Amino acid sequence: MGKGLFITGTDTDAGKTYISSLIIRALRNERIDAIGYKPICCGDRNDALEMADASGFSEPSEKDLNKINPIWMKTPAAPHVAAMFENAPIEKDVLLKGHQQLMSEHACIITEGVGGWLVPINGMKFCVAELAAEIGDPVILVVGNKLGALNHTLLTVEAMRSRGIEPAGLVFNNLIDELDTATITNKGIVEDMCGVEVITDVIRGQEEIESWPFMEILGL
């Protein structure tokens, strides 16, 4: 059985796919059989394609892409809303079986959530938080570093802890080239306020990330 990480974010555009892909590539550079898993895409399928490319599939077949991304909703909205518009309820078992299959075939699975931590997948019954809990892998929180990131991060960490999940670490993703007062100070302040370590700080356009912090969390 493989090991895995669940990647969530403080917001929709925090950079989950970008960071997930960097992690996958870093692990594969260490000769670890890592693969990405994007359970749900809404709108286009670019996130799944990016993760497939990071996983070694430069031109993935439809079969390979469907394993990485079993649910593709064409409506660009939250999964629950997209499922309502398309009259196609999202079944939890499909998402979990997809993860289990990849876990049986690969050494490491990097699962990327959809949107933020409480985005609904099937109404109030099942959201991203419940999906992460069902999968059971350590959770990494990607922080889109901008004005407001402190609030978004503290709210997300509080929501995670309310479900008995302690974040394994934060990844700060700098969304702008020239940092201002807020983006420069966010990292140190948020660590002090929530007690969660910032694993790494990624500058805009960075093409590589160190593997060791994630290997340590994975026990590799």
N, C-alpha and C. Protein backbone atom coordinates (compact mmCIF):
# COMPACT_ATOMS: atom_id res chain seq x y z
N MET A 1 0.85 -1.20 0.00
CA MET A 1 0.00 0.00 0.00
C MET A 1 0.88 1.24 0.00
N GLY A 2 0.44 2.25 -0.74
CA GLY A 2 1.19 3.49 -0.80
C GLY A 2 0.90 4.40 0.37
N LYS A 3 1.63 5.50 0.41
CA LYS A 3 1.40 6.55 1.39
C LYS A 3 0.93 7.78 0.64
N GLY A 4 0.37 8.75 1.39
CA GLY A 4 -0.14 9.90 0.68
C GLY A 4 -0.22 11.17 1.49
N LEU A 5 -0.46 12.26 0.77
CA LEU A 5 -0.73 13.57 1.36
C LEU A 5 -2.00 14.11 0.73
N PHE A 6 -2.77 14.86 1.53
CA PHE A 6 -3.96 15.53 1.02
C PHE A 6 -3.66 17.02 1.01
N ILE A 7 -3.80 17.64 -0.15
CA ILE A 7 -3.48 19.06 -0.31
C ILE A 7 -4.78 19.87 -0.39
N THR A 8 -4.96 20.78 0.56
CA THR A 8 -6.10 21.68 0.52
C THR A 8 -5.59 23.11 0.51
N GLY A 9 -6.49 24.06 0.37
CA GLY A 9 -6.06 25.45 0.27
C GLY A 9 -6.94 26.41 1.04
N THR A 10 -6.42 27.60 1.25
CA THR A 10 -7.18 28.63 1.96
C THR A 10 -8.26 29.23 1.09
N ASP A 11 -8.18 29.00 -0.22
CA ASP A 11 -9.14 29.58 -1.15
C ASP A 11 -9.03 28.85 -2.48
N THR A 12 -9.93 29.18 -3.40
CA THR A 12 -9.95 28.50 -4.69
C THR A 12 -8.67 28.72 -5.48
N ASP A 13 -8.12 29.92 -5.44
CA ASP A 13 -6.93 30.23 -6.23
C ASP A 13 -5.67 30.30 -5.39
N ALA A 14 -5.60 29.52 -4.33
CA ALA A 14 -4.42 29.54 -3.47
C ALA A 14 -3.20 28.91 -4.13
N GLY A 15 -3.43 28.04 -5.13
CA GLY A 15 -2.32 27.40 -5.83
C GLY A 15 -2.14 25.94 -5.50
N LYS A 16 -3.23 25.25 -5.21
CA LYS A 16 -3.16 23.83 -4.82
C LYS A 16 -2.54 22.96 -5.91
N THR A 17 -2.99 23.15 -7.15
CA THR A 17 -2.49 22.32 -8.24
C THR A 17 -1.01 22.58 -8.49
N TYR A 18 -0.63 23.84 -8.46
CA TYR A 18 0.77 24.23 -8.66
C TYR A 18 1.66 23.58 -7.60
N ILE A 19 1.27 23.70 -6.35
CA ILE A 19 2.07 23.13 -5.26
C ILE A 19 2.04 21.60 -5.31
N SER A 20 0.87 21.03 -5.57
CA SER A 20 0.77 19.57 -5.67
C SER A 20 1.71 19.03 -6.74
N SER A 21 1.74 19.71 -7.89
CA SER A 21 2.59 19.27 -8.99
C SER A 21 4.07 19.39 -8.63
N LEU A 22 4.44 20.47 -7.93
CA LEU A 22 5.83 20.62 -7.48
C LEU A 22 6.22 19.48 -6.54
N ILE A 23 5.31 19.12 -5.63
CA ILE A 23 5.59 18.04 -4.68
C ILE A 23 5.76 16.71 -5.42
N ILE A 24 4.86 16.44 -6.36
CA ILE A 24 4.94 15.19 -7.13
C ILE A 24 6.27 15.10 -7.85
N ARG A 25 6.65 16.18 -8.53
CA ARG A 25 7.91 16.18 -9.28
C ARG A 25 9.11 15.99 -8.35
N ALA A 26 9.07 16.66 -7.19
CA ALA A 26 10.18 16.54 -6.23
C ALA A 26 10.32 15.10 -5.75
N LEU A 27 9.21 14.45 -5.45
CA LEU A 27 9.26 13.06 -5.00
C LEU A 27 9.73 12.13 -6.11
N ARG A 28 9.26 12.36 -7.31
CA ARG A 28 9.67 11.51 -8.43
C ARG A 28 11.17 11.70 -8.73
N ASN A 29 11.69 12.92 -8.50
CA ASN A 29 13.12 13.14 -8.67
C ASN A 29 13.94 12.34 -7.66
N GLU A 30 13.31 11.95 -6.56
CA GLU A 30 13.95 11.10 -5.56
C GLU A 30 13.69 9.62 -5.84
N ARG A 31 13.17 9.33 -7.03
CA ARG A 31 12.87 7.96 -7.48
C ARG A 31 11.74 7.33 -6.66
N ILE A 32 10.86 8.15 -6.16
CA ILE A 32 9.67 7.67 -5.47
C ILE A 32 8.53 7.63 -6.48
N ASP A 33 7.84 6.54 -6.54
CA ASP A 33 6.73 6.36 -7.49
C ASP A 33 5.51 7.15 -7.00
N ALA A 34 5.55 8.46 -7.25
CA ALA A 34 4.48 9.35 -6.81
C ALA A 34 3.54 9.67 -7.97
N ILE A 35 2.25 9.76 -7.66
CA ILE A 35 1.25 10.09 -8.67
C ILE A 35 0.23 11.04 -8.06
N GLY A 36 -0.30 11.91 -8.89
CA GLY A 36 -1.31 12.85 -8.43
C GLY A 36 -2.71 12.27 -8.53
N TYR A 37 -3.59 12.74 -7.65
CA TYR A 37 -4.99 12.33 -7.67
C TYR A 37 -5.85 13.57 -7.49
N LYS A 38 -6.63 13.89 -8.51
CA LYS A 38 -7.55 15.02 -8.47
C LYS A 38 -8.96 14.44 -8.54
N PRO A 39 -9.58 14.13 -7.40
CA PRO A 39 -10.86 13.41 -7.41
C PRO A 39 -11.94 14.09 -8.23
N ILE A 40 -11.98 15.44 -8.15
CA ILE A 40 -13.05 16.18 -8.83
C ILE A 40 -12.47 17.38 -9.56
N CYS A 41 -12.85 17.55 -10.81
CA CYS A 41 -12.60 18.78 -11.56
C CYS A 41 -13.95 19.39 -11.93
N CYS A 42 -14.05 20.70 -11.82
CA CYS A 42 -15.27 21.41 -12.24
C CYS A 42 -14.89 22.49 -13.24
N GLY A 43 -15.56 22.50 -14.39
CA GLY A 43 -15.21 23.41 -15.46
C GLY A 43 -14.28 22.70 -16.43
N ASP A 44 -13.08 23.21 -16.61
CA ASP A 44 -12.11 22.52 -17.48
C ASP A 44 -11.41 21.41 -16.67
N ARG A 45 -10.52 20.73 -17.36
CA ARG A 45 -9.81 19.61 -16.72
C ARG A 45 -8.31 19.91 -16.61
N ASN A 46 -7.98 21.19 -16.63
CA ASN A 46 -6.57 21.58 -16.66
C ASN A 46 -5.80 21.13 -15.41
N ASP A 47 -6.45 21.17 -14.25
CA ASP A 47 -5.77 20.75 -13.02
C ASP A 47 -5.35 19.28 -13.11
N ALA A 48 -6.25 18.46 -13.60
CA ALA A 48 -5.94 17.03 -13.74
C ALA A 48 -4.83 16.81 -14.76
N LEU A 49 -4.86 17.57 -15.85
CA LEU A 49 -3.83 17.44 -16.87
C LEU A 49 -2.47 17.87 -16.33
N GLU A 50 -2.44 18.93 -15.51
CA GLU A 50 -1.19 19.38 -14.92
C GLU A 50 -0.63 18.33 -13.96
N MET A 51 -1.51 17.73 -13.18
CA MET A 51 -1.05 16.70 -12.24
C MET A 51 -0.62 15.44 -12.98
N ALA A 52 -1.29 15.12 -14.07
CA ALA A 52 -0.89 13.97 -14.89
C ALA A 52 0.51 14.19 -15.47
N ASP A 53 0.76 15.40 -15.95
CA ASP A 53 2.07 15.72 -16.50
C ASP A 53 3.16 15.59 -15.43
N ALA A 54 2.87 16.11 -14.23
CA ALA A 54 3.83 16.00 -13.12
C ALA A 54 4.07 14.54 -12.75
N SER A 55 3.06 13.70 -12.98
CA SER A 55 3.14 12.27 -12.62
C SER A 55 3.81 11.43 -13.69
N GLY A 56 4.25 12.07 -14.77
CA GLY A 56 4.98 11.35 -15.80
C GLY A 56 4.17 11.03 -17.04
N PHE A 57 2.92 11.54 -17.11
CA PHE A 57 2.08 11.30 -18.29
C PHE A 57 2.03 12.58 -19.12
N SER A 58 2.99 12.75 -20.03
CA SER A 58 3.02 13.97 -20.84
C SER A 58 1.83 14.04 -21.79
N GLU A 59 1.39 12.87 -22.27
CA GLU A 59 0.19 12.78 -23.10
C GLU A 59 -0.67 11.65 -22.56
N PRO A 60 -1.39 11.89 -21.45
CA PRO A 60 -2.14 10.81 -20.81
C PRO A 60 -3.28 10.30 -21.68
N SER A 61 -3.48 9.00 -21.67
CA SER A 61 -4.64 8.43 -22.33
C SER A 61 -5.88 8.79 -21.53
N GLU A 62 -7.05 8.60 -22.12
CA GLU A 62 -8.29 8.88 -21.39
C GLU A 62 -8.40 7.98 -20.17
N LYS A 63 -7.93 6.75 -20.30
CA LYS A 63 -7.98 5.82 -19.17
C LYS A 63 -7.11 6.32 -18.02
N ASP A 64 -5.89 6.77 -18.33
CA ASP A 64 -4.99 7.28 -17.30
C ASP A 64 -5.57 8.54 -16.65
N LEU A 65 -6.12 9.42 -17.47
CA LEU A 65 -6.68 10.66 -16.94
C LEU A 65 -7.89 10.40 -16.06
N ASN A 66 -8.69 9.41 -16.42
CA ASN A 66 -9.85 9.07 -15.61
C ASN A 66 -9.46 8.44 -14.28
N LYS A 67 -8.29 7.81 -14.23
CA LYS A 67 -7.82 7.28 -12.95
C LYS A 67 -7.34 8.41 -12.05
N ILE A 68 -6.68 9.40 -12.64
CA ILE A 68 -6.22 10.55 -11.87
C ILE A 68 -7.39 11.46 -11.50
N ASN A 69 -8.39 11.53 -12.36
CA ASN A 69 -9.54 12.42 -12.15
C ASN A 69 -10.84 11.68 -12.50
N PRO A 70 -11.39 10.92 -11.55
CA PRO A 70 -12.58 10.11 -11.85
C PRO A 70 -13.87 10.90 -12.06
N ILE A 71 -13.98 12.09 -11.46
CA ILE A 71 -15.20 12.89 -11.61
C ILE A 71 -14.86 14.21 -12.27
N TRP A 72 -15.44 14.43 -13.46
CA TRP A 72 -15.24 15.69 -14.18
C TRP A 72 -16.61 16.31 -14.45
N MET A 73 -16.89 17.41 -13.74
CA MET A 73 -18.12 18.16 -13.96
C MET A 73 -17.80 19.32 -14.90
N LYS A 74 -18.60 19.52 -15.92
CA LYS A 74 -18.29 20.56 -16.90
C LYS A 74 -18.67 21.95 -16.41
N THR A 75 -19.51 22.05 -15.40
CA THR A 75 -19.96 23.35 -14.90
C THR A 75 -18.91 23.96 -13.98
N PRO A 76 -18.45 25.19 -14.25
CA PRO A 76 -17.43 25.82 -13.40
C PRO A 76 -18.05 26.39 -12.12
N ALA A 77 -18.26 25.52 -11.15
CA ALA A 77 -18.88 25.90 -9.88
C ALA A 77 -18.44 24.90 -8.82
N ALA A 78 -18.89 25.13 -7.57
CA ALA A 78 -18.61 24.15 -6.53
C ALA A 78 -19.19 22.79 -6.95
N PRO A 79 -18.56 21.69 -6.56
CA PRO A 79 -19.02 20.37 -7.01
C PRO A 79 -20.51 20.12 -6.77
N HIS A 80 -21.00 20.50 -5.61
CA HIS A 80 -22.42 20.28 -5.31
C HIS A 80 -23.31 21.03 -6.29
N VAL A 81 -22.95 22.27 -6.59
CA VAL A 81 -23.73 23.09 -7.53
C VAL A 81 -23.62 22.51 -8.94
N ALA A 82 -22.39 22.15 -9.34
CA ALA A 82 -22.21 21.56 -10.67
C ALA A 82 -23.01 20.28 -10.82
N ALA A 83 -23.03 19.46 -9.78
CA ALA A 83 -23.79 18.21 -9.82
C ALA A 83 -25.29 18.47 -9.94
N MET A 84 -25.77 19.53 -9.30
CA MET A 84 -27.18 19.89 -9.42
C MET A 84 -27.51 20.31 -10.85
N PHE A 85 -26.67 21.14 -11.44
CA PHE A 85 -26.91 21.62 -12.81
C PHE A 85 -26.88 20.47 -13.81
N GLU A 86 -26.00 19.50 -13.58
CA GLU A 86 -25.82 18.40 -14.53
C GLU A 86 -26.64 17.17 -14.17
N ASN A 87 -27.40 17.28 -13.07
CA ASN A 87 -28.23 16.16 -12.61
C ASN A 87 -27.40 14.88 -12.49
N ALA A 88 -26.24 15.04 -11.85
CA ALA A 88 -25.32 13.91 -11.71
C ALA A 88 -24.70 13.94 -10.32
N PRO A 89 -25.41 13.45 -9.31
CA PRO A 89 -24.88 13.47 -7.94
C PRO A 89 -23.52 12.79 -7.86
N ILE A 90 -22.64 13.37 -7.06
CA ILE A 90 -21.29 12.82 -6.90
C ILE A 90 -21.30 11.79 -5.78
N GLU A 91 -20.91 10.58 -6.12
CA GLU A 91 -20.91 9.48 -5.15
C GLU A 91 -19.57 9.41 -4.41
N LYS A 92 -19.64 9.43 -3.10
CA LYS A 92 -18.43 9.36 -2.27
C LYS A 92 -17.62 8.12 -2.58
N ASP A 93 -18.28 7.00 -2.77
CA ASP A 93 -17.58 5.74 -2.99
C ASP A 93 -16.70 5.77 -4.24
N VAL A 94 -17.14 6.51 -5.26
CA VAL A 94 -16.33 6.61 -6.49
C VAL A 94 -15.01 7.30 -6.19
N LEU A 95 -15.07 8.36 -5.39
CA LEU A 95 -13.87 9.12 -5.04
C LEU A 95 -12.92 8.28 -4.19
N LEU A 96 -13.48 7.56 -3.22
CA LEU A 96 -12.65 6.76 -2.32
C LEU A 96 -12.06 5.54 -3.03
N LYS A 97 -12.85 4.91 -3.90
CA LYS A 97 -12.34 3.75 -4.64
C LYS A 97 -11.23 4.17 -5.59
N GLY A 98 -11.36 5.36 -6.18
CA GLY A 98 -10.30 5.87 -7.06
C GLY A 98 -9.00 6.04 -6.31
N HIS A 99 -9.09 6.55 -5.10
CA HIS A 99 -7.90 6.73 -4.27
C HIS A 99 -7.31 5.38 -3.87
N GLN A 100 -8.16 4.46 -3.48
CA GLN A 100 -7.69 3.13 -3.07
C GLN A 100 -6.99 2.41 -4.21
N GLN A 101 -7.52 2.57 -5.42
CA GLN A 101 -6.90 1.90 -6.56
C GLN A 101 -5.49 2.43 -6.80
N LEU A 102 -5.33 3.76 -6.78
CA LEU A 102 -4.00 4.33 -6.98
C LEU A 102 -3.06 3.95 -5.84
N MET A 103 -3.59 3.88 -4.63
CA MET A 103 -2.77 3.50 -3.47
C MET A 103 -2.24 2.08 -3.60
N SER A 104 -2.99 1.22 -4.26
CA SER A 104 -2.57 -0.16 -4.44
C SER A 104 -1.54 -0.32 -5.56
N GLU A 105 -1.40 0.73 -6.39
CA GLU A 105 -0.54 0.64 -7.56
C GLU A 105 0.72 1.49 -7.46
N HIS A 106 0.73 2.48 -6.54
CA HIS A 106 1.84 3.42 -6.48
C HIS A 106 2.32 3.60 -5.04
N ALA A 107 3.57 4.06 -4.91
CA ALA A 107 4.17 4.22 -3.59
C ALA A 107 3.65 5.44 -2.85
N CYS A 108 3.23 6.47 -3.59
CA CYS A 108 2.84 7.72 -2.96
C CYS A 108 1.76 8.42 -3.78
N ILE A 109 0.70 8.86 -3.11
CA ILE A 109 -0.42 9.54 -3.77
C ILE A 109 -0.53 10.94 -3.20
N ILE A 110 -0.50 11.94 -4.09
CA ILE A 110 -0.72 13.33 -3.70
C ILE A 110 -2.12 13.71 -4.16
N THR A 111 -3.04 13.81 -3.21
CA THR A 111 -4.44 14.11 -3.51
C THR A 111 -4.69 15.60 -3.36
N GLU A 112 -5.26 16.19 -4.38
CA GLU A 112 -5.62 17.61 -4.32
C GLU A 112 -7.12 17.77 -4.17
N GLY A 113 -7.53 18.51 -3.15
CA GLY A 113 -8.95 18.79 -2.97
C GLY A 113 -9.47 19.72 -4.04
N VAL A 114 -10.69 20.17 -3.85
CA VAL A 114 -11.30 21.10 -4.80
C VAL A 114 -11.76 22.33 -4.02
N GLY A 115 -11.33 23.52 -4.47
CA GLY A 115 -11.67 24.73 -3.74
C GLY A 115 -11.05 24.73 -2.35
N GLY A 116 -11.77 25.28 -1.39
CA GLY A 116 -11.29 25.35 -0.01
C GLY A 116 -11.75 24.17 0.83
N TRP A 117 -11.49 24.24 2.11
CA TRP A 117 -11.69 23.13 3.04
C TRP A 117 -13.15 22.73 3.20
N LEU A 118 -14.08 23.69 3.15
CA LEU A 118 -15.48 23.36 3.39
C LEU A 118 -16.35 23.42 2.13
N VAL A 119 -15.72 23.36 0.97
CA VAL A 119 -16.49 23.36 -0.27
C VAL A 119 -17.38 22.12 -0.33
N PRO A 120 -18.69 22.30 -0.58
CA PRO A 120 -19.61 21.15 -0.58
C PRO A 120 -19.46 20.28 -1.82
N ILE A 121 -19.42 18.98 -1.59
CA ILE A 121 -19.39 18.00 -2.68
C ILE A 121 -20.78 17.42 -2.90
N ASN A 122 -21.44 17.10 -1.80
CA ASN A 122 -22.81 16.57 -1.87
C ASN A 122 -23.61 17.23 -0.74
N GLY A 123 -23.96 18.49 -0.97
CA GLY A 123 -24.72 19.25 0.03
C GLY A 123 -23.96 19.34 1.34
N MET A 124 -24.70 19.40 2.44
CA MET A 124 -24.10 19.50 3.77
C MET A 124 -23.63 18.13 4.27
N LYS A 125 -23.97 17.07 3.53
CA LYS A 125 -23.63 15.72 3.98
C LYS A 125 -22.17 15.37 3.74
N PHE A 126 -21.57 15.99 2.72
CA PHE A 126 -20.22 15.57 2.33
C PHE A 126 -19.51 16.74 1.66
N CYS A 127 -18.42 17.20 2.29
CA CYS A 127 -17.64 18.30 1.73
C CYS A 127 -16.18 17.87 1.66
N VAL A 128 -15.31 18.78 1.23
CA VAL A 128 -13.89 18.46 1.09
C VAL A 128 -13.31 17.98 2.42
N ALA A 129 -13.72 18.59 3.52
CA ALA A 129 -13.22 18.19 4.83
C ALA A 129 -13.52 16.72 5.12
N GLU A 130 -14.75 16.28 4.80
CA GLU A 130 -15.11 14.88 5.02
C GLU A 130 -14.33 13.96 4.08
N LEU A 131 -14.08 14.40 2.86
CA LEU A 131 -13.29 13.60 1.93
C LEU A 131 -11.88 13.39 2.48
N ALA A 132 -11.27 14.45 2.97
CA ALA A 132 -9.93 14.34 3.55
C ALA A 132 -9.93 13.40 4.74
N ALA A 133 -10.96 13.51 5.58
CA ALA A 133 -11.05 12.64 6.76
C ALA A 133 -11.21 11.18 6.35
N GLU A 134 -12.02 10.92 5.33
CA GLU A 134 -12.23 9.55 4.86
C GLU A 134 -10.93 8.97 4.29
N ILE A 135 -10.19 9.77 3.54
CA ILE A 135 -8.94 9.29 2.95
C ILE A 135 -7.90 9.06 4.05
N GLY A 136 -7.83 9.98 5.00
CA GLY A 136 -7.01 9.76 6.17
C GLY A 136 -5.53 10.09 6.05
N ASP A 137 -5.12 10.70 4.97
CA ASP A 137 -3.72 11.08 4.81
C ASP A 137 -3.42 12.40 5.52
N PRO A 138 -2.15 12.66 5.87
CA PRO A 138 -1.78 13.96 6.44
C PRO A 138 -2.20 15.09 5.50
N VAL A 139 -2.66 16.19 6.09
CA VAL A 139 -3.18 17.30 5.29
C VAL A 139 -2.20 18.46 5.29
N ILE A 140 -1.84 18.92 4.09
CA ILE A 140 -1.02 20.11 3.89
C ILE A 140 -1.94 21.24 3.45
N LEU A 141 -1.80 22.40 4.10
CA LEU A 141 -2.62 23.56 3.75
C LEU A 141 -1.79 24.54 2.94
N VAL A 142 -2.22 24.78 1.69
CA VAL A 142 -1.57 25.76 0.82
C VAL A 142 -2.19 27.13 1.10
N VAL A 143 -1.34 28.08 1.45
CA VAL A 143 -1.79 29.43 1.77
C VAL A 143 -1.46 30.35 0.59
N GLY A 144 -2.49 30.89 -0.04
CA GLY A 144 -2.28 31.89 -1.07
C GLY A 144 -1.87 33.18 -0.37
N ASN A 145 -0.58 33.52 -0.43
CA ASN A 145 -0.07 34.64 0.36
C ASN A 145 -0.46 35.98 -0.25
N LYS A 146 -1.41 36.62 0.39
CA LYS A 146 -1.92 37.92 -0.04
C LYS A 146 -2.56 38.59 1.17
N LEU A 147 -2.99 39.81 1.00
CA LEU A 147 -3.74 40.48 2.05
C LEU A 147 -5.00 39.67 2.35
N GLY A 148 -5.21 39.32 3.60
CA GLY A 148 -6.35 38.47 3.97
C GLY A 148 -5.96 37.04 4.26
N ALA A 149 -4.70 36.69 3.95
CA ALA A 149 -4.26 35.30 4.14
C ALA A 149 -4.27 34.88 5.61
N LEU A 150 -4.00 35.82 6.51
CA LEU A 150 -4.02 35.48 7.93
C LEU A 150 -5.39 34.98 8.34
N ASN A 151 -6.41 35.73 7.99
CA ASN A 151 -7.78 35.35 8.33
C ASN A 151 -8.15 34.02 7.70
N HIS A 152 -7.87 33.86 6.43
CA HIS A 152 -8.21 32.63 5.72
C HIS A 152 -7.50 31.42 6.32
N THR A 153 -6.24 31.61 6.68
CA THR A 153 -5.46 30.51 7.25
C THR A 153 -5.97 30.12 8.63
N LEU A 154 -6.18 31.12 9.49
CA LEU A 154 -6.64 30.83 10.85
C LEU A 154 -8.02 30.19 10.85
N LEU A 155 -8.92 30.65 9.97
CA LEU A 155 -10.24 30.04 9.88
C LEU A 155 -10.15 28.59 9.41
N THR A 156 -9.29 28.34 8.42
CA THR A 156 -9.17 26.99 7.89
C THR A 156 -8.56 26.04 8.92
N VAL A 157 -7.52 26.49 9.60
CA VAL A 157 -6.89 25.65 10.63
C VAL A 157 -7.89 25.35 11.74
N GLU A 158 -8.66 26.36 12.14
CA GLU A 158 -9.68 26.14 13.18
C GLU A 158 -10.71 25.12 12.72
N ALA A 159 -11.14 25.23 11.46
CA ALA A 159 -12.12 24.28 10.92
C ALA A 159 -11.54 22.88 10.84
N MET A 160 -10.28 22.76 10.52
CA MET A 160 -9.64 21.45 10.46
C MET A 160 -9.58 20.82 11.85
N ARG A 161 -9.18 21.61 12.82
CA ARG A 161 -9.07 21.08 14.18
C ARG A 161 -10.43 20.73 14.77
N SER A 162 -11.48 21.43 14.34
CA SER A 162 -12.82 21.11 14.84
C SER A 162 -13.26 19.73 14.39
N ARG A 163 -12.61 19.20 13.35
CA ARG A 163 -12.91 17.85 12.85
C ARG A 163 -11.85 16.84 13.29
N GLY A 164 -11.00 17.27 14.22
CA GLY A 164 -9.98 16.36 14.74
C GLY A 164 -8.80 16.16 13.83
N ILE A 165 -8.59 17.07 12.89
CA ILE A 165 -7.47 16.96 11.96
C ILE A 165 -6.46 18.06 12.24
N GLU A 166 -5.24 17.67 12.58
CA GLU A 166 -4.18 18.64 12.81
C GLU A 166 -3.37 18.80 11.52
N PRO A 167 -3.28 20.02 10.98
CA PRO A 167 -2.51 20.20 9.74
C PRO A 167 -1.08 19.72 9.90
N ALA A 168 -0.58 19.04 8.89
CA ALA A 168 0.80 18.57 8.92
C ALA A 168 1.78 19.69 8.62
N GLY A 169 1.29 20.77 8.04
CA GLY A 169 2.14 21.92 7.74
C GLY A 169 1.48 22.86 6.76
N LEU A 170 2.06 24.05 6.65
CA LEU A 170 1.59 25.07 5.72
C LEU A 170 2.61 25.25 4.60
N VAL A 171 2.13 25.47 3.39
CA VAL A 171 2.99 25.87 2.29
C VAL A 171 2.54 27.26 1.86
N PHE A 172 3.43 28.24 1.97
CA PHE A 172 3.10 29.60 1.56
C PHE A 172 3.39 29.77 0.09
N ASN A 173 2.37 30.10 -0.68
CA ASN A 173 2.50 30.30 -2.12
C ASN A 173 2.35 31.79 -2.40
N ASN A 174 3.46 32.43 -2.74
CA ASN A 174 3.43 33.87 -2.99
C ASN A 174 2.82 34.15 -4.36
N LEU A 175 1.71 34.87 -4.38
CA LEU A 175 0.93 35.05 -5.60
C LEU A 175 1.37 36.27 -6.41
N ILE A 176 2.23 37.12 -5.83
CA ILE A 176 2.68 38.31 -6.54
C ILE A 176 4.21 38.36 -6.52
N ASP A 177 4.79 39.08 -7.49
CA ASP A 177 6.24 39.16 -7.60
C ASP A 177 6.84 40.09 -6.54
N GLU A 178 6.24 41.25 -6.35
CA GLU A 178 6.76 42.22 -5.40
C GLU A 178 5.93 42.17 -4.12
N LEU A 179 6.53 41.66 -3.05
CA LEU A 179 5.82 41.49 -1.80
C LEU A 179 5.64 42.83 -1.10
N ASP A 180 4.51 42.94 -0.39
CA ASP A 180 4.23 44.15 0.38
C ASP A 180 4.30 43.82 1.87
N THR A 181 3.90 44.76 2.70
CA THR A 181 4.00 44.56 4.15
C THR A 181 3.24 43.33 4.61
N ALA A 182 2.02 43.17 4.10
CA ALA A 182 1.19 42.03 4.52
C ALA A 182 1.82 40.70 4.12
N THR A 183 2.23 40.59 2.88
CA THR A 183 2.76 39.31 2.40
C THR A 183 4.12 38.97 2.99
N ILE A 184 4.90 40.00 3.35
CA ILE A 184 6.19 39.76 3.99
C ILE A 184 6.02 39.24 5.42
N THR A 185 5.04 39.78 6.14
CA THR A 185 4.88 39.44 7.57
C THR A 185 3.94 38.28 7.83
N ASN A 186 3.12 37.90 6.85
CA ASN A 186 2.11 36.86 7.07
C ASN A 186 2.71 35.56 7.59
N LYS A 187 3.82 35.15 7.01
CA LYS A 187 4.41 33.84 7.33
C LYS A 187 4.74 33.70 8.81
N GLY A 188 5.52 34.64 9.35
CA GLY A 188 5.92 34.56 10.74
C GLY A 188 4.76 34.72 11.70
N ILE A 189 3.83 35.61 11.36
CA ILE A 189 2.70 35.86 12.24
C ILE A 189 1.78 34.66 12.32
N VAL A 190 1.51 34.04 11.17
CA VAL A 190 0.55 32.94 11.17
C VAL A 190 1.11 31.73 11.91
N GLU A 191 2.42 31.50 11.82
CA GLU A 191 3.02 30.40 12.58
C GLU A 191 2.83 30.61 14.08
N ASP A 192 3.06 31.82 14.54
CA ASP A 192 2.89 32.13 15.96
C ASP A 192 1.44 32.00 16.40
N MET A 193 0.51 32.41 15.52
CA MET A 193 -0.90 32.47 15.92
C MET A 193 -1.59 31.12 15.89
N CYS A 194 -1.20 30.24 14.98
CA CYS A 194 -1.90 28.96 14.89
C CYS A 194 -1.03 27.77 15.30
N GLY A 195 0.27 28.01 15.45
CA GLY A 195 1.14 26.92 15.91
C GLY A 195 1.40 25.85 14.88
N VAL A 196 1.18 26.15 13.59
CA VAL A 196 1.45 25.18 12.52
C VAL A 196 2.68 25.66 11.75
N GLU A 197 3.60 24.77 11.51
CA GLU A 197 4.86 25.13 10.84
C GLU A 197 4.64 25.44 9.36
N VAL A 198 5.32 26.49 8.90
CA VAL A 198 5.38 26.76 7.46
C VAL A 198 6.50 25.89 6.90
N ILE A 199 6.13 24.87 6.13
CA ILE A 199 7.10 23.91 5.60
C ILE A 199 8.04 24.57 4.61
N THR A 200 7.46 25.37 3.72
CA THR A 200 8.27 26.04 2.71
C THR A 200 7.51 27.26 2.21
N ASP A 201 8.26 28.15 1.60
CA ASP A 201 7.75 29.42 1.10
C ASP A 201 8.09 29.48 -0.39
N VAL A 202 7.09 29.40 -1.24
CA VAL A 202 7.32 29.28 -2.68
C VAL A 202 7.15 30.64 -3.36
N ILE A 203 8.17 31.07 -4.07
CA ILE A 203 8.07 32.34 -4.78
C ILE A 203 7.32 32.14 -6.09
N ARG A 204 6.76 33.21 -6.62
CA ARG A 204 5.97 33.14 -7.85
C ARG A 204 6.82 32.60 -9.00
N GLY A 205 6.31 31.57 -9.66
CA GLY A 205 7.00 31.00 -10.82
C GLY A 205 8.09 30.00 -10.48
N GLN A 206 8.25 29.66 -9.20
CA GLN A 206 9.28 28.69 -8.81
C GLN A 206 9.02 27.35 -9.48
N GLU A 207 10.09 26.72 -10.00
CA GLU A 207 9.92 25.50 -10.78
C GLU A 207 10.27 24.24 -10.03
N GLU A 208 10.92 24.36 -8.87
CA GLU A 208 11.29 23.18 -8.08
C GLU A 208 11.03 23.44 -6.61
N ILE A 209 10.85 22.36 -5.87
CA ILE A 209 10.62 22.45 -4.43
C ILE A 209 11.42 21.34 -3.76
N GLU A 210 11.90 21.58 -2.56
CA GLU A 210 12.66 20.54 -1.86
C GLU A 210 11.74 19.40 -1.44
N SER A 211 12.23 18.19 -1.57
CA SER A 211 11.41 17.02 -1.28
C SER A 211 11.41 16.62 0.19
N TRP A 212 12.51 16.93 0.91
CA TRP A 212 12.70 16.34 2.23
C TRP A 212 11.59 16.65 3.24
N PRO A 213 10.99 17.88 3.28
CA PRO A 213 9.94 18.08 4.27
C PRO A 213 8.74 17.17 4.06
N PHE A 214 8.44 16.90 2.80
CA PHE A 214 7.27 16.07 2.48
C PHE A 214 7.60 14.59 2.68
N MET A 215 8.84 14.21 2.39
CA MET A 215 9.27 12.83 2.65
C MET A 215 9.25 12.55 4.15
N GLU A 216 9.61 13.56 4.93
CA GLU A 216 9.59 13.41 6.39
C GLU A 216 8.17 13.17 6.90
N ILE A 217 7.22 13.95 6.38
CA ILE A 217 5.81 13.77 6.77
C ILE A 217 5.30 12.40 6.35
N LEU A 218 5.73 11.97 5.18
CA LEU A 218 5.32 10.67 4.64
C LEU A 218 6.02 9.50 5.32
N GLY A 219 7.10 9.78 6.02
CA GLY A 219 7.88 8.70 6.63
C GLY A 219 8.70 7.92 5.64
N LEU A 220 9.15 8.63 4.58
CA LEU A 220 9.93 7.97 3.52
C LEU A 220 11.42 8.25 3.69
